[in-house]
Amino acid sequence: MNSVVHFEIPVDDTDEAKTFYEQAFGWEIRQDKMPDGSTYTSAVTTETENSMPKNPGAINGAIIERDDKLKVPLVTVGVDSIDDCIKKVEEAGGKVVLPKAVVPNIGEYAYVADPAGNIVGLWHDAQK
């Protein structure tokens, strides 16, 4: 069984969202520079050890810029293989929204949609 491992909340104003989620829920919102020069805004919702949640079942996520594809929050499912999972999604009536992409030394991800159009993230950890 593949578990939910991450979430993403699309926003129009990252600074406003940072303030809201820190004040409303006590989350730590971090902005980290990525190898490609972009900024990734992490939403740390639970205590971590080696970047992984310490509490079973707890997950962390991100604040992302809203765009035409990602308008509402989405969950990300950890999978053993992005390619294999995409095949299963398509066989089950879903479609690829964002093809597999690689985050060097960290992992791979893609976005797929179920038959109703709901977008779900896929993640494969490079360490696995």
Protein backbone atom coordinates (compact mmCIF):
# COMPACT_ATOMS: atom_id res chain seq x y z
CA MET A 1 0.00 0.00 0.00
CA ASN A 2 1.35 3.45 -0.93
CA SER A 3 0.98 6.11 1.78
CA VAL A 4 0.47 9.86 1.66
CA VAL A 5 3.91 11.35 2.34
CA HIS A 6 3.58 15.06 1.51
CA PHE A 7 1.10 17.84 0.76
CA GLU A 8 1.21 21.04 -1.28
CA ILE A 9 -0.91 24.14 -0.73
CA PRO A 10 -1.08 26.51 -3.72
CA VAL A 11 -1.20 30.21 -2.85
CA ASP A 12 -1.16 33.56 -4.61
CA ASP A 13 0.98 35.32 -1.98
CA THR A 14 3.73 33.24 -0.36
CA ASP A 15 4.55 35.84 2.30
CA GLU A 16 0.90 36.09 3.35
CA ALA A 17 0.61 32.29 3.47
CA LYS A 18 3.85 32.03 5.49
CA THR A 19 2.47 34.42 8.10
CA PHE A 20 -0.93 32.68 8.19
CA TYR A 21 0.35 29.09 8.61
CA GLU A 22 2.97 30.10 11.18
CA GLN A 23 0.44 32.05 13.26
CA ALA A 24 -2.60 29.80 12.82
CA PHE A 25 -0.95 26.39 13.22
CA GLY A 26 2.56 27.03 14.53
CA TRP A 27 4.14 25.52 11.41
CA GLU A 28 7.71 26.37 10.51
CA ILE A 29 7.72 27.80 6.99
CA ARG A 30 11.20 27.66 5.44
CA GLN A 31 12.36 29.03 2.12
CA ASP A 32 15.26 27.05 0.67
CA LYS A 33 17.24 27.73 -2.51
CA MET A 34 17.16 24.84 -4.96
CA PRO A 35 20.04 23.79 -7.27
CA ASP A 36 18.24 25.40 -10.25
CA GLY A 37 18.09 28.77 -8.42
CA SER A 38 14.38 28.58 -7.57
CA THR A 39 13.04 28.79 -4.02
CA TYR A 40 11.16 25.91 -2.37
CA THR A 41 8.90 26.85 0.52
CA SER A 42 8.65 23.99 3.01
CA ALA A 43 5.84 23.67 5.54
CA VAL A 44 7.23 21.80 8.54
CA THR A 45 4.23 20.58 10.53
CA THR A 46 5.87 18.01 12.77
CA GLU A 47 9.20 17.38 14.47
CA THR A 48 11.77 15.80 12.15
CA GLU A 49 14.90 13.69 12.38
CA ASN A 50 17.19 13.62 9.32
CA SER A 51 14.46 15.57 7.45
CA MET A 52 11.88 12.82 8.09
CA PRO A 53 8.87 13.16 10.42
CA LYS A 54 9.51 11.56 13.83
CA ASN A 55 5.83 10.89 14.54
CA PRO A 56 4.33 7.90 12.68
CA GLY A 57 1.70 9.06 10.21
CA ALA A 58 2.73 12.72 10.33
CA ILE A 59 3.75 14.48 7.13
CA ASN A 60 5.29 17.77 6.10
CA GLY A 61 4.56 19.70 2.96
CA ALA A 62 5.07 22.84 0.95
CA ILE A 63 3.56 26.17 0.02
CA ILE A 64 3.65 26.54 -3.78
CA GLU A 65 2.65 29.22 -6.25
CA ARG A 66 -0.86 28.69 -7.62
CA ASP A 67 -0.97 28.08 -11.38
CA ASP A 68 -3.41 26.83 -14.01
CA LYS A 69 -2.85 23.18 -13.06
CA LEU A 70 -2.56 23.44 -9.29
CA LYS A 71 -5.39 25.50 -7.88
CA VAL A 72 -6.31 23.52 -4.76
CA PRO A 73 -4.30 21.61 -2.12
CA LEU A 74 -3.04 18.20 -3.13
CA VAL A 75 -1.57 15.18 -1.44
CA THR A 76 1.50 13.30 -2.60
CA VAL A 77 1.77 9.52 -2.46
CA GLY A 78 5.10 7.74 -1.95
CA VAL A 79 5.65 5.07 -4.61
CA ASP A 80 8.35 2.52 -5.45
CA SER A 81 8.51 3.62 -9.10
CA ILE A 82 7.10 6.74 -10.75
CA ASP A 83 7.04 5.03 -14.16
CA ASP A 84 5.23 1.93 -12.87
CA CYS A 85 2.71 4.03 -10.96
CA ILE A 86 2.00 6.22 -14.00
CA LYS A 87 1.20 3.06 -15.99
CA LYS A 88 -1.21 1.92 -13.25
CA VAL A 89 -2.84 5.37 -13.11
CA GLU A 90 -3.41 5.39 -16.87
CA GLU A 91 -4.73 1.80 -16.83
CA ALA A 92 -7.15 2.82 -14.06
CA GLY A 93 -8.52 5.72 -16.14
CA GLY A 94 -6.32 8.56 -14.90
CA LYS A 95 -3.87 10.73 -16.80
CA VAL A 96 -0.50 12.42 -16.39
CA VAL A 97 -0.69 16.13 -15.59
CA LEU A 98 3.05 16.73 -15.06
CA PRO A 99 5.50 14.10 -16.35
CA LYS A 100 8.22 12.66 -14.13
CA ALA A 101 10.84 15.17 -13.03
CA VAL A 102 14.03 14.59 -11.06
CA VAL A 103 15.24 16.50 -8.01
CA PRO A 104 18.97 15.65 -8.07
CA ASN A 105 20.08 13.45 -5.15
CA ILE A 106 16.64 13.72 -3.53
CA GLY A 107 14.04 11.95 -5.64
CA GLU A 108 11.56 12.01 -8.50
CA TYR A 109 8.01 13.31 -8.75
CA ALA A 110 5.06 13.62 -11.11
CA TYR A 111 1.46 14.80 -10.96
CA VAL A 112 -1.43 12.64 -12.13
CA ALA A 113 -5.18 13.16 -12.23
CA ASP A 114 -7.88 10.68 -11.30
CA PRO A 115 -10.89 10.22 -13.64
CA ALA A 116 -12.72 13.08 -11.82
CA GLY A 117 -9.80 15.47 -12.48
CA ASN A 118 -8.38 15.53 -8.92
CA ILE A 119 -4.62 15.95 -9.01
CA VAL A 120 -2.41 13.68 -6.90
CA GLY A 121 1.36 13.98 -6.56
CA LEU A 122 3.65 10.97 -6.88
CA TRP A 123 7.02 10.81 -5.11
CA HIS A 124 9.90 8.36 -5.22
CA ASP A 125 12.68 8.95 -2.71
CA ALA A 126 16.19 8.63 -4.18
CA GLN A 127 17.39 6.94 -0.97
CA LYS A 128 15.00 3.99 -1.43
